Amino acid sequence: MRHPTRLGIALTLSLAAAGCAAGSGGGPRADADPDGRAVSVSSCGRPVSFTAPPRRAVTLDQTSTETLLELGLQDSMAGTANLKTKIPAPYEAAYAKVPVIAPKIATGEQLRSATPDFVLAGSADLYTGDRAGTREELDALGVPTFVSAVDCPRQNPAGTTPFELLFSDYENLGGLFGVRERAAKLAADQRAAVAKAGENASKAARGADRPTVVYLYSVFNGMPYVAGGTGLPSEMSRIVGARNAFDDVAEDWPEVTWEEVARREPDFIVIGDLSERGRPGDSAAEKRAALTGHPVTSKLAAVRDGRILEVPGIELDPSVRSVHALGLLADGMKDLGYVR
């Protein structure tokens, strides 16, 4: 059970100690001020402002955790939560310095225990009354909150790509934490990686001849979950000159049937390996077995001919690691002969 009054006292004390000021102004990008005035951004329509960099940030999911670690901000973190897979080797030493306030989704009590001065999440659904608390509740307590721009498309300029939204996250956080140069380099490096993957599109078939792909994310109770038209894989497909076979489904990861997968006749299949999550049907081997063992999908040319690529499943959701999966997709298409 949550205790809003005690939560408010603890968080207010932590803010007083940190010298943070929240809630004024904000645009789509951070504006650094060498004179010590507030640095402000707009996060999914809500203003976030600091007069000094956060010193006790808490991340509510692995996506936001790894973004801060990539920016070298582990000493500014007071807690992390909701680890879905193993932390990659390059982040292990930095991650070891950060207290884990909750192995899964954090509650208000667990968040209070970390006395944060800033709370970050990759998705807005972690800010609910029965989880960490709503953004409105935390704002009322003087605790600024941040949500990745990728998770709030209605607040973003029309046509902005998911990768550009990720890069805007880096740049906004770089401004708030006072590491602008580091954030700018990260965004530039990843823009270059996207551009390199995009070289595929000019060398692959175009229009109706573009190869189609099904992204098999998970198998739960024997049913496949695939990438729909609103998730990052559709943008990845566009970049490398392919087309997501389920682009017409307005969901990120819809449950479909094996028969529907077969009906779409993908030219190749991308399997998201979620072995580390450990649920039945998560591993790449189990997904391959499901495809080859089903009486309908086993007859697909992509399955018979082994036109199957494997990528880390977590990298198919927007994160600092997604450009790695994009590179694997681009290279895999070359190996399969779809790029001249």
Foldseek 3Di string as FASTA:
>chain_A
DDDLVLLLVLLLVLCVVFVWFFFDDADCFWDADPVQDWTWHAALNGITITSAAAQAEEEQDPQVVVLCLLLVNLRSYQEYEAYQFDDDPVRVVSVVSHHHLYPRFAACVSVSVSSGQEYEYQEQVSAPNGTNHHQVSCVVSNRHYHYQPLHNVVVDPPPDASLNSVLRVLCRSCRRRVNNVSSVVLSVVLVVLLLVLLVQQVQFDADPPAFEEWEFQWADPNWTWTAAQSFNVQVLQVSNRHGYLRNVDPDGIDTDHPQVVLVSLGPAYEYAASVRSPDPGRGPVSVLCSQCVDPRSVPRPRNVVVRYHYDHSVLRGDHSNVSVVSNSVSVSCVVVPRGD
